[in-house]
């Protein structure tokens, strides 16, 4: 989401993009108060159907990554090289899923 900010487009060209970016950050975090706050903001700005859609997309993306990790799918050579840069640029070392993930796949 930092790339959206670097480009100087708070919404990244997507209606409610900045709000959705904050929702994704909250969903991936451990702060229950932040989750409740952003949930109310999304409900107010976008309505319940779009809140469910946004959280569903986020959950499916997370699930697909977890399935890949659980099956031992290793990163290909291109991603092994790029992964450290990507991880650093998005702060992935702090992601909850990072606690059980390594570039080589599950132990």
PDB file of N, CA and C in Angstrom:
ATOM      1  N   UNK A   1       0.820  -1.177   0.000  1.00  0.00           N
ATOM      2  CA  UNK A   1       0.000   0.000   0.000  1.00  0.00           C
ATOM      3  C   UNK A   1       0.873   1.254   0.000  1.00  0.00           C
ATOM      4  N   UNK A   2       2.120   1.084   0.403  1.00  0.00           N
ATOM      5  CA  UNK A   2       3.025   2.218   0.381  1.00  0.00           C
ATOM      6  C   UNK A   2       3.238   2.747  -1.021  1.00  0.00           C
ATOM      7  N   UNK A   3       3.182   1.864  -2.022  1.00  0.00           N
ATOM      8  CA  UNK A   3       3.366   2.297  -3.396  1.00  0.00           C
ATOM      9  C   UNK A   3       2.281   3.281  -3.792  1.00  0.00           C
ATOM     10  N   UNK A   4       1.055   3.050  -3.352  1.00  0.00           N
ATOM     11  CA  UNK A   4      -0.046   3.975  -3.645  1.00  0.00           C
ATOM     12  C   UNK A   4       0.306   5.349  -3.103  1.00  0.00           C
ATOM     13  N   UNK A   5       0.826   5.386  -1.893  1.00  0.00           N
ATOM     14  CA  UNK A   5       1.204   6.661  -1.282  1.00  0.00           C
ATOM     15  C   UNK A   5       2.375   7.305  -2.013  1.00  0.00           C
ATOM     16  N   UNK A   6       3.368   6.489  -2.430  1.00  0.00           N
ATOM     17  CA  UNK A   6       4.522   7.032  -3.143  1.00  0.00           C
ATOM     18  C   UNK A   6       4.115   7.671  -4.460  1.00  0.00           C
ATOM     19  N   UNK A   7       3.088   7.132  -5.097  1.00  0.00           N
ATOM     20  CA  UNK A   7       2.626   7.683  -6.359  1.00  0.00           C
ATOM     21  C   UNK A   7       1.822   8.960  -6.158  1.00  0.00           C
ATOM     22  N   UNK A   8       1.514   9.262  -4.896  1.00  0.00           N
ATOM     23  CA  UNK A   8       0.788  10.484  -4.592  1.00  0.00           C
ATOM     24  C   UNK A   8      -0.709  10.375  -4.836  1.00  0.00           C
ATOM     25  N   UNK A   9      -1.178   9.158  -4.975  1.00  0.00           N
ATOM     26  CA  UNK A   9      -2.599   8.935  -5.192  1.00  0.00           C
ATOM     27  C   UNK A   9      -3.143   8.179  -3.985  1.00  0.00           C
ATOM     28  N   UNK A  10      -3.757   8.903  -3.082  1.00  0.00           N
ATOM     29  CA  UNK A  10      -4.209   8.269  -1.844  1.00  0.00           C
ATOM     30  C   UNK A  10      -5.128   7.074  -2.070  1.00  0.00           C
ATOM     31  N   UNK A  11      -5.951   7.143  -3.128  1.00  0.00           N
ATOM     32  CA  UNK A  11      -6.869   6.044  -3.394  1.00  0.00           C
ATOM     33  C   UNK A  11      -6.342   5.092  -4.458  1.00  0.00           C
ATOM     34  N   UNK A  12      -5.157   5.365  -5.001  1.00  0.00           N
ATOM     35  CA  UNK A  12      -4.586   4.494  -6.010  1.00  0.00           C
ATOM     36  C   UNK A  12      -5.457   4.339  -7.249  1.00  0.00           C
ATOM     37  N   UNK A  13      -6.330   5.316  -7.477  1.00  0.00           N
ATOM     38  CA  UNK A  13      -7.210   5.239  -8.632  1.00  0.00           C
ATOM     39  C   UNK A  13      -8.414   4.349  -8.410  1.00  0.00           C
ATOM     40  N   UNK A  14      -8.609   3.879  -7.185  1.00  0.00           N
ATOM     41  CA  UNK A  14      -9.727   2.996  -6.841  1.00  0.00           C
ATOM     42  C   UNK A  14     -10.632   3.741  -5.869  1.00  0.00           C
ATOM     43  N   UNK A  15     -11.917   3.722  -6.138  1.00  0.00           N
ATOM     44  CA  UNK A  15     -12.847   4.368  -5.219  1.00  0.00           C
ATOM     45  C   UNK A  15     -12.672   3.764  -3.821  1.00  0.00           C
ATOM     46  N   UNK A  16     -12.491   4.616  -2.850  1.00  0.00           N
ATOM     47  CA  UNK A  16     -12.262   4.211  -1.449  1.00  0.00           C
ATOM     48  C   UNK A  16     -10.954   3.440  -1.269  1.00  0.00           C
ATOM     49  N   UNK A  17     -10.013   3.598  -2.185  1.00  0.00           N
ATOM     50  CA  UNK A  17      -8.770   2.835  -2.137  1.00  0.00           C
ATOM     51  C   UNK A  17      -7.990   2.999  -0.848  1.00  0.00           C
ATOM     52  N   UNK A  18      -7.859   4.236  -0.370  1.00  0.00           N
ATOM     53  CA  UNK A  18      -7.111   4.455   0.877  1.00  0.00           C
ATOM     54  C   UNK A  18      -7.814   3.787   2.059  1.00  0.00           C
ATOM     55  N   UNK A  19      -9.123   3.849   2.068  1.00  0.00           N
ATOM     56  CA  UNK A  19      -9.898   3.208   3.131  1.00  0.00           C
ATOM     57  C   UNK A  19      -9.723   1.692   3.064  1.00  0.00           C
ATOM     58  N   UNK A  20      -9.763   1.144   1.857  1.00  0.00           N
ATOM     59  CA  UNK A  20      -9.561  -0.300   1.692  1.00  0.00           C
ATOM     60  C   UNK A  20      -8.158  -0.724   2.096  1.00  0.00           C
ATOM     61  N   UNK A  21      -7.162   0.111   1.796  1.00  0.00           N
ATOM     62  CA  UNK A  21      -5.792  -0.193   2.209  1.00  0.00           C
ATOM     63  C   UNK A  21      -5.704  -0.245   3.732  1.00  0.00           C
ATOM     64  N   UNK A  22      -6.349   0.689   4.393  1.00  0.00           N
ATOM     65  CA  UNK A  22      -6.352   0.679   5.865  1.00  0.00           C
ATOM     66  C   UNK A  22      -7.085  -0.537   6.404  1.00  0.00           C
ATOM     67  N   UNK A  23      -8.158  -0.940   5.728  1.00  0.00           N
ATOM     68  CA  UNK A  23      -8.894  -2.137   6.139  1.00  0.00           C
ATOM     69  C   UNK A  23      -7.989  -3.365   6.037  1.00  0.00           C
ATOM     70  N   UNK A  24      -7.254  -3.487   4.930  1.00  0.00           N
ATOM     71  CA  UNK A  24      -6.337  -4.629   4.761  1.00  0.00           C
ATOM     72  C   UNK A  24      -5.285  -4.657   5.864  1.00  0.00           C
ATOM     73  N   UNK A  25      -4.735  -3.489   6.184  1.00  0.00           N
ATOM     74  CA  UNK A  25      -3.744  -3.420   7.261  1.00  0.00           C
ATOM     75  C   UNK A  25      -4.354  -3.871   8.579  1.00  0.00           C
ATOM     76  N   UNK A  26      -5.571  -3.429   8.867  1.00  0.00           N
ATOM     77  CA  UNK A  26      -6.220  -3.779  10.130  1.00  0.00           C
ATOM     78  C   UNK A  26      -6.558  -5.266  10.184  1.00  0.00           C
ATOM     79  N   UNK A  27      -7.056  -5.805   9.081  1.00  0.00           N
ATOM     80  CA  UNK A  27      -7.419  -7.223   9.039  1.00  0.00           C
ATOM     81  C   UNK A  27      -6.195  -8.092   9.300  1.00  0.00           C
ATOM     82  N   UNK A  28      -5.042  -7.674   8.806  1.00  0.00           N
ATOM     83  CA  UNK A  28      -3.816  -8.452   8.978  1.00  0.00           C
ATOM     84  C   UNK A  28      -3.163  -8.229  10.332  1.00  0.00           C
ATOM     85  N   UNK A  29      -3.669  -7.299  11.119  1.00  0.00           N
ATOM     86  CA  UNK A  29      -3.047  -6.964  12.391  1.00  0.00           C
ATOM     87  C   UNK A  29      -3.698  -7.628  13.587  1.00  0.00           C
ATOM     88  N   UNK A  30      -3.170  -7.300  14.745  1.00  0.00           N
ATOM     89  CA  UNK A  30      -3.646  -7.885  16.005  1.00  0.00           C
ATOM     90  C   UNK A  30      -4.481  -6.914  16.838  1.00  0.00           C
ATOM     91  N   UNK A  31      -4.642  -5.666  16.376  1.00  0.00           N
ATOM     92  CA  UNK A  31      -5.305  -4.627  17.161  1.00  0.00           C
ATOM     93  C   UNK A  31      -6.822  -4.670  16.957  1.00  0.00           C
ATOM     94  N   UNK A  32      -7.543  -5.245  17.919  1.00  0.00           N
ATOM     95  CA  UNK A  32      -8.999  -5.393  17.808  1.00  0.00           C
ATOM     96  C   UNK A  32      -9.697  -4.044  17.732  1.00  0.00           C
ATOM     97  N   UNK A  33      -9.196  -3.052  18.441  1.00  0.00           N
ATOM     98  CA  UNK A  33      -9.816  -1.720  18.408  1.00  0.00           C
ATOM     99  C   UNK A  33      -9.672  -1.102  17.020  1.00  0.00           C
ATOM    100  N   UNK A  34      -8.513  -1.274  16.400  1.00  0.00           N
ATOM    101  CA  UNK A  34      -8.302  -0.749  15.043  1.00  0.00           C
ATOM    102  C   UNK A  34      -9.236  -1.437  14.057  1.00  0.00           C
ATOM    103  N   UNK A  35      -9.432  -2.741  14.237  1.00  0.00           N
ATOM    104  CA  UNK A  35     -10.342  -3.479  13.360  1.00  0.00           C
ATOM    105  C   UNK A  35     -11.771  -2.969  13.508  1.00  0.00           C
ATOM    106  N   UNK A  36     -12.192  -2.753  14.734  1.00  0.00           N
ATOM    107  CA  UNK A  36     -13.554  -2.259  14.968  1.00  0.00           C
ATOM    108  C   UNK A  36     -13.738  -0.859  14.387  1.00  0.00           C
ATOM    109  N   UNK A  37     -12.735  -0.022  14.539  1.00  0.00           N
ATOM    110  CA  UNK A  37     -12.817   1.351  14.036  1.00  0.00           C
ATOM    111  C   UNK A  37     -12.906   1.378  12.509  1.00  0.00           C
ATOM    112  N   UNK A  38     -12.045   0.640  11.836  1.00  0.00           N
ATOM    113  CA  UNK A  38     -12.067   0.656  10.373  1.00  0.00           C
ATOM    114  C   UNK A  38     -13.317  -0.021   9.841  1.00  0.00           C
ATOM    115  N   UNK A  39     -13.791  -1.034  10.538  1.00  0.00           N
ATOM    116  CA  UNK A  39     -15.033  -1.694  10.121  1.00  0.00           C
ATOM    117  C   UNK A  39     -16.175  -0.689  10.092  1.00  0.00           C
ATOM    118  N   UNK A  40     -16.270   0.136  11.122  1.00  0.00           N
ATOM    119  CA  UNK A  40     -17.326   1.148  11.168  1.00  0.00           C
ATOM    120  C   UNK A  40     -17.155   2.189  10.063  1.00  0.00           C
ATOM    121  N   UNK A  41     -15.905   2.564   9.780  1.00  0.00           N
ATOM    122  CA  UNK A  41     -15.647   3.533   8.705  1.00  0.00           C
ATOM    123  C   UNK A  41     -16.066   2.966   7.348  1.00  0.00           C
ATOM    124  N   UNK A  42     -15.726   1.705   7.099  1.00  0.00           N
ATOM    125  CA  UNK A  42     -16.084   1.081   5.826  1.00  0.00           C
ATOM    126  C   UNK A  42     -17.595   0.928   5.733  1.00  0.00           C
ATOM    127  N   UNK A  43     -18.232   0.515   6.799  1.00  0.00           N
ATOM    128  CA  UNK A  43     -19.696   0.406   6.795  1.00  0.00           C
ATOM    129  C   UNK A  43     -20.347   1.741   6.451  1.00  0.00           C
ATOM    130  N   UNK A  44     -19.849   2.789   7.057  1.00  0.00           N
ATOM    131  CA  UNK A  44     -20.417   4.118   6.834  1.00  0.00           C
ATOM    132  C   UNK A  44     -20.186   4.604   5.409  1.00  0.00           C
ATOM    133  N   UNK A  45     -18.982   4.392   4.888  1.00  0.00           N
ATOM    134  CA  UNK A  45     -18.627   4.920   3.574  1.00  0.00           C
ATOM    135  C   UNK A  45     -19.098   4.036   2.420  1.00  0.00           C
ATOM    136  N   UNK A  46     -19.122   2.722   2.645  1.00  0.00           N
ATOM    137  CA  UNK A  46     -19.335   1.801   1.531  1.00  0.00           C
ATOM    138  C   UNK A  46     -20.535   0.880   1.692  1.00  0.00           C
ATOM    139  N   UNK A  47     -20.989   0.680   2.925  1.00  0.00           N
ATOM    140  CA  UNK A  47     -22.124  -0.202   3.162  1.00  0.00           C
ATOM    141  C   UNK A  47     -21.702  -1.622   3.491  1.00  0.00           C
ATOM    142  N   UNK A  48     -22.647  -2.401   4.015  1.00  0.00           N
ATOM    143  CA  UNK A  48     -22.324  -3.748   4.494  1.00  0.00           C
ATOM    144  C   UNK A  48     -21.921  -4.725   3.389  1.00  0.00           C
ATOM    145  N   UNK A  49     -22.527  -4.636   2.223  1.00  0.00           N
ATOM    146  CA  UNK A  49     -22.181  -5.579   1.152  1.00  0.00           C
ATOM    147  C   UNK A  49     -20.737  -5.414   0.708  1.00  0.00           C
ATOM    148  N   UNK A  50     -20.297  -4.171   0.558  1.00  0.00           N
ATOM    149  CA  UNK A  50     -18.923  -3.945   0.128  1.00  0.00           C
ATOM    150  C   UNK A  50     -17.930  -4.274   1.235  1.00  0.00           C
ATOM    151  N   UNK A  51     -18.309  -4.097   2.499  1.00  0.00           N
ATOM    152  CA  UNK A  51     -17.438  -4.510   3.599  1.00  0.00           C
ATOM    153  C   UNK A  51     -17.211  -6.016   3.531  1.00  0.00           C
ATOM    154  N   UNK A  52     -18.282  -6.771   3.362  1.00  0.00           N
ATOM    155  CA  UNK A  52     -18.171  -8.229   3.282  1.00  0.00           C
ATOM    156  C   UNK A  52     -17.317  -8.633   2.084  1.00  0.00           C
ATOM    157  N   UNK A  53     -17.537  -7.982   0.940  1.00  0.00           N
ATOM    158  CA  UNK A  53     -16.734  -8.294  -0.248  1.00  0.00           C
ATOM    159  C   UNK A  53     -15.252  -8.019  -0.004  1.00  0.00           C
ATOM    160  N   UNK A  54     -14.944  -6.867   0.574  1.00  0.00           N
ATOM    161  CA  UNK A  54     -13.542  -6.486   0.794  1.00  0.00           C
ATOM    162  C   UNK A  54     -12.851  -7.441   1.763  1.00  0.00           C
ATOM    163  N   UNK A  55     -13.518  -7.776   2.844  1.00  0.00           N
ATOM    164  CA  UNK A  55     -12.926  -8.689   3.820  1.00  0.00           C
ATOM    165  C   UNK A  55     -12.816 -10.090   3.219  1.00  0.00           C
ATOM    166  N   UNK A  56     -13.793 -10.477   2.403  1.00  0.00           N
ATOM    167  CA  UNK A  56     -13.744 -11.780   1.742  1.00  0.00           C
ATOM    168  C   UNK A  56     -12.565 -11.898   0.793  1.00  0.00           C
ATOM    169  N   UNK A  57     -12.305 -10.855   0.012  1.00  0.00           N
ATOM    170  CA  UNK A  57     -11.165 -10.872  -0.904  1.00  0.00           C
ATOM    171  C   UNK A  57      -9.864 -10.967  -0.110  1.00  0.00           C
ATOM    172  N   UNK A  58      -9.763 -10.196   0.962  1.00  0.00           N
ATOM    173  CA  UNK A  58      -8.569 -10.231   1.794  1.00  0.00           C
ATOM    174  C   UNK A  58      -8.373 -11.634   2.393  1.00  0.00           C
ATOM    175  N   UNK A  59      -9.453 -12.221   2.876  1.00  0.00           N
ATOM    176  CA  UNK A  59      -9.376 -13.549   3.486  1.00  0.00           C
ATOM    177  C   UNK A  59      -8.967 -14.612   2.464  1.00  0.00           C
ATOM    178  N   UNK A  60      -9.513 -14.527   1.257  1.00  0.00           N
ATOM    179  CA  UNK A  60      -9.161 -15.500   0.225  1.00  0.00           C
ATOM    180  C   UNK A  60      -7.691 -15.383  -0.173  1.00  0.00           C
ATOM    181  N   UNK A  61      -7.200 -14.155  -0.287  1.00  0.00           N
ATOM    182  CA  UNK A  61      -5.793 -13.964  -0.624  1.00  0.00           C
ATOM    183  C   UNK A  61      -4.913 -14.574   0.460  1.00  0.00           C
ATOM    184  N   UNK A  62      -5.257 -14.302   1.718  1.00  0.00           N
ATOM    185  CA  UNK A  62      -4.487 -14.850   2.835  1.00  0.00           C
ATOM    186  C   UNK A  62      -4.554 -16.379   2.825  1.00  0.00           C
ATOM    187  N   UNK A  63      -5.748 -16.914   2.575  1.00  0.00           N
ATOM    188  CA  UNK A  63      -5.924 -18.363   2.574  1.00  0.00           C
ATOM    189  C   UNK A  63      -5.063 -19.015   1.493  1.00  0.00           C
ATOM    190  N   UNK A  64      -5.039 -18.416   0.299  1.00  0.00           N
ATOM    191  CA  UNK A  64      -4.248 -19.016  -0.788  1.00  0.00           C
ATOM    192  C   UNK A  64      -2.765 -19.057  -0.435  1.00  0.00           C
ATOM    193  N   UNK A  65      -2.284 -18.011   0.219  1.00  0.00           N
ATOM    194  CA  UNK A  65      -0.886 -18.005   0.656  1.00  0.00           C
ATOM    195  C   UNK A  65      -0.642 -19.067   1.718  1.00  0.00           C
ATOM    196  N   UNK A  66      -1.575 -19.226   2.609  1.00  0.00           N
ATOM    197  CA  UNK A  66      -1.416 -20.224   3.670  1.00  0.00           C
ATOM    198  C   UNK A  66      -1.437 -21.632   3.091  1.00  0.00           C
ATOM    199  N   UNK A  67      -2.302 -21.884   2.095  1.00  0.00           N
ATOM    200  CA  UNK A  67      -2.337 -23.201   1.459  1.00  0.00           C
ATOM    201  C   UNK A  67      -0.996 -23.482   0.788  1.00  0.00           C
ATOM    202  N   UNK A  68      -0.468 -22.490   0.077  1.00  0.00           N
ATOM    203  CA  UNK A  68       0.832 -22.671  -0.570  1.00  0.00           C
ATOM    204  C   UNK A  68       1.907 -22.978   0.473  1.00  0.00           C
ATOM    205  N   UNK A  69       1.887 -22.264   1.589  1.00  0.00           N
ATOM    206  CA  UNK A  69       2.864 -22.513   2.652  1.00  0.00           C
ATOM    207  C   UNK A  69       2.683 -23.914   3.233  1.00  0.00           C
ATOM    208  N   UNK A  70       1.433 -24.304   3.481  1.00  0.00           N
ATOM    209  CA  UNK A  70       1.152 -25.589   4.128  1.00  0.00           C
ATOM    210  C   UNK A  70       1.534 -26.772   3.248  1.00  0.00           C
ATOM    211  N   UNK A  71       1.451 -26.591   1.932  1.00  0.00           N
ATOM    212  CA  UNK A  71       1.793 -27.699   1.042  1.00  0.00           C
ATOM    213  C   UNK A  71       3.277 -27.756   0.738  1.00  0.00           C
ATOM    214  N   UNK A  72       4.013 -26.777   1.258  1.00  0.00           N
ATOM    215  CA  UNK A  72       5.451 -26.778   1.052  1.00  0.00           C
ATOM    216  C   UNK A  72       5.880 -26.201  -0.280  1.00  0.00           C
ATOM    217  N   UNK A  73       4.996 -25.453  -0.916  1.00  0.00           N
ATOM    218  CA  UNK A  73       5.326 -24.855  -2.203  1.00  0.00           C
ATOM    219  C   UNK A  73       6.482 -23.884  -2.018  1.00  0.00           C
ATOM    220  N   UNK A  74       7.636 -24.193  -2.597  1.00  0.00           N
ATOM    221  CA  UNK A  74       8.782 -23.287  -2.440  1.00  0.00           C
ATOM    222  C   UNK A  74       8.673 -22.102  -3.402  1.00  0.00           C
ATOM    223  N   UNK A  75       9.350 -21.044  -3.068  1.00  0.00           N
ATOM    224  CA  UNK A  75       9.433 -19.907  -3.975  1.00  0.00           C
ATOM    225  C   UNK A  75      10.294 -20.290  -5.163  1.00  0.00           C
ATOM    226  N   UNK A  76       9.926 -19.801  -6.347  1.00  0.00           N
ATOM    227  CA  UNK A  76      10.782 -20.054  -7.500  1.00  0.00           C
ATOM    228  C   UNK A  76      11.999 -19.135  -7.416  1.00  0.00           C
ATOM    229  N   UNK A  77      12.967 -19.365  -8.295  1.00  0.00           N
ATOM    230  CA  UNK A  77      14.247 -18.643  -8.232  1.00  0.00           C
ATOM    231  C   UNK A  77      14.061 -17.128  -8.310  1.00  0.00           C
ATOM    232  N   UNK A  78      13.172 -16.669  -9.162  1.00  0.00           N
ATOM    233  CA  UNK A  78      12.939 -15.225  -9.305  1.00  0.00           C
ATOM    234  C   UNK A  78      12.403 -14.647  -7.998  1.00  0.00           C
ATOM    235  N   UNK A  79      11.450 -15.333  -7.378  1.00  0.00           N
ATOM    236  CA  UNK A  79      10.868 -14.829  -6.133  1.00  0.00           C
ATOM    237  C   UNK A  79      11.846 -14.945  -4.968  1.00  0.00           C
ATOM    238  N   UNK A  80      12.686 -16.000  -4.961  1.00  0.00           N
ATOM    239  CA  UNK A  80      13.690 -16.107  -3.890  1.00  0.00           C
ATOM    240  C   UNK A  80      14.621 -14.907  -3.918  1.00  0.00           C
ATOM    241  N   UNK A  81      14.962 -14.457  -5.123  1.00  0.00           N
ATOM    242  CA  UNK A  81      15.834 -13.292  -5.255  1.00  0.00           C
ATOM    243  C   UNK A  81      15.105 -12.007  -4.873  1.00  0.00           C
ATOM    244  N   UNK A  82      13.842 -11.891  -5.285  1.00  0.00           N
ATOM    245  CA  UNK A  82      13.079 -10.666  -5.042  1.00  0.00           C
ATOM    246  C   UNK A  82      12.494 -10.594  -3.628  1.00  0.00           C
ATOM    247  N   UNK A  83      12.258 -11.740  -3.003  1.00  0.00           N
ATOM    248  CA  UNK A  83      11.544 -11.787  -1.724  1.00  0.00           C
ATOM    249  C   UNK A  83      12.120 -10.866  -0.647  1.00  0.00           C
ATOM    250  N   UNK A  84      13.426 -10.857  -0.411  1.00  0.00           N
ATOM    251  CA  UNK A  84      13.939  -9.983   0.646  1.00  0.00           C
ATOM    252  C   UNK A  84      13.622  -8.499   0.405  1.00  0.00           C
ATOM    253  N   UNK A  85      13.702  -8.069  -0.844  1.00  0.00           N
ATOM    254  CA  UNK A  85      13.393  -6.670  -1.166  1.00  0.00           C
ATOM    255  C   UNK A  85      11.915  -6.377  -0.955  1.00  0.00           C
ATOM    256  N   UNK A  86      11.067  -7.300  -1.401  1.00  0.00           N
ATOM    257  CA  UNK A  86       9.625  -7.128  -1.243  1.00  0.00           C
ATOM    258  C   UNK A  86       9.265  -7.133   0.240  1.00  0.00           C
ATOM    259  N   UNK A  87       9.800  -8.101   0.975  1.00  0.00           N
ATOM    260  CA  UNK A  87       9.517  -8.190   2.407  1.00  0.00           C
ATOM    261  C   UNK A  87       9.880  -6.893   3.117  1.00  0.00           C
ATOM    262  N   UNK A  88      11.055  -6.369   2.799  1.00  0.00           N
ATOM    263  CA  UNK A  88      11.497  -5.134   3.443  1.00  0.00           C
ATOM    264  C   UNK A  88      10.608  -3.961   3.051  1.00  0.00           C
ATOM    265  N   UNK A  89      10.262  -3.856   1.774  1.00  0.00           N
ATOM    266  CA  UNK A  89       9.495  -2.702   1.302  1.00  0.00           C
ATOM    267  C   UNK A  89       8.093  -2.641   1.887  1.00  0.00           C
ATOM    268  N   UNK A  90       7.512  -3.803   2.207  1.00  0.00           N
ATOM    269  CA  UNK A  90       6.148  -3.796   2.746  1.00  0.00           C
ATOM    270  C   UNK A  90       6.095  -4.137   4.231  1.00  0.00           C
ATOM    271  N   UNK A  91       7.246  -4.322   4.848  1.00  0.00           N
ATOM    272  CA  UNK A  91       7.278  -4.628   6.275  1.00  0.00           C
ATOM    273  C   UNK A  91       6.771  -6.022   6.596  1.00  0.00           C
ATOM    274  N   UNK A  92       6.988  -6.972   5.678  1.00  0.00           N
ATOM    275  CA  UNK A  92       6.441  -8.317   5.835  1.00  0.00           C
ATOM    276  C   UNK A  92       6.999  -9.064   7.045  1.00  0.00           C
ATOM    277  N   UNK A  93       8.156  -8.676   7.533  1.00  0.00           N
ATOM    278  CA  UNK A  93       8.720  -9.364   8.696  1.00  0.00           C
ATOM    279  C   UNK A  93       7.792  -9.244   9.901  1.00  0.00           C
ATOM    280  N   UNK A  94       6.932  -8.229   9.900  1.00  0.00           N
ATOM    281  CA  UNK A  94       5.996  -8.041  11.006  1.00  0.00           C
ATOM    282  C   UNK A  94       4.638  -8.685  10.789  1.00  0.00           C
ATOM    283  N   UNK A  95       4.412  -9.309   9.631  1.00  0.00           N
ATOM    284  CA  UNK A  95       3.119  -9.935   9.350  1.00  0.00           C
ATOM    285  C   UNK A  95       2.927 -11.149  10.251  1.00  0.00           C
ATOM    286  N   UNK A  96       1.701 -11.374  10.670  1.00  0.00           N
ATOM    287  CA  UNK A  96       1.407 -12.540  11.505  1.00  0.00           C
ATOM    288  C   UNK A  96       1.810 -13.835  10.820  1.00  0.00           C
ATOM    289  N   UNK A  97       1.533 -13.962   9.534  1.00  0.00           N
ATOM    290  CA  UNK A  97       1.841 -15.205   8.837  1.00  0.00           C
ATOM    291  C   UNK A  97       3.343 -15.457   8.724  1.00  0.00           C
ATOM    292  N   UNK A  98       4.145 -14.423   8.846  1.00  0.00           N
ATOM    293  CA  UNK A  98       5.599 -14.559   8.735  1.00  0.00           C
ATOM    294  C   UNK A  98       6.160 -15.383   9.889  1.00  0.00           C
ATOM    295  N   UNK A  99       5.414 -15.453  10.976  1.00  0.00           N
ATOM    296  CA  UNK A  99       5.875 -16.198  12.140  1.00  0.00           C
ATOM    297  C   UNK A  99       6.075 -17.674  11.831  1.00  0.00           C
ATOM    298  N   UNK A 100       5.394 -18.192  10.808  1.00  0.00           N
ATOM    299  CA  UNK A 100       5.478 -19.623  10.488  1.00  0.00           C
ATOM    300  C   UNK A 100       5.900 -19.858   9.044  1.00  0.00           C
ATOM    301  N   UNK A 101       6.510 -18.858   8.420  1.00  0.00           N
ATOM    302  CA  UNK A 101       6.859 -18.967   7.010  1.00  0.00           C
ATOM    303  C   UNK A 101       8.340 -18.698   6.810  1.00  0.00           C
ATOM    304  N   UNK A 102       8.927 -19.466   5.930  1.00  0.00           N
ATOM    305  CA  UNK A 102      10.307 -19.204   5.546  1.00  0.00           C
ATOM    306  C   UNK A 102      10.386 -19.264   4.033  1.00  0.00           C
ATOM    307  N   UNK A 103      11.393 -18.633   3.423  1.00  0.00           N
ATOM    308  CA  UNK A 103      11.505 -18.651   1.961  1.00  0.00           C
ATOM    309  C   UNK A 103      11.618 -20.065   1.389  1.00  0.00           C
ATOM    310  N   UNK A 104      12.093 -21.009   2.184  1.00  0.00           N
ATOM    311  CA  UNK A 104      12.259 -22.373   1.724  1.00  0.00           C
ATOM    312  C   UNK A 104      10.982 -23.193   1.844  1.00  0.00           C
ATOM    313  N   UNK A 105       9.933 -22.618   2.407  1.00  0.00           N
ATOM    314  CA  UNK A 105       8.708 -23.359   2.650  1.00  0.00           C
ATOM    315  C   UNK A 105       8.707 -23.904   4.066  1.00  0.00           C
ATOM    316  N   UNK A 106       7.679 -24.678   4.441  1.00  0.00           N
ATOM    317  CA  UNK A 106       7.585 -25.198   5.804  1.00  0.00           C
ATOM    318  C   UNK A 106       8.746 -26.115   6.156  1.00  0.00           C
ATOM    319  N   UNK A 107       9.066 -26.147   7.419  1.00  0.00           N
ATOM    320  CA  UNK A 107      10.155 -27.022   7.886  1.00  0.00           C
ATOM    321  C   UNK A 107       9.692 -28.456   7.934  1.00  0.00           C
TER     322      UNK A 107
END
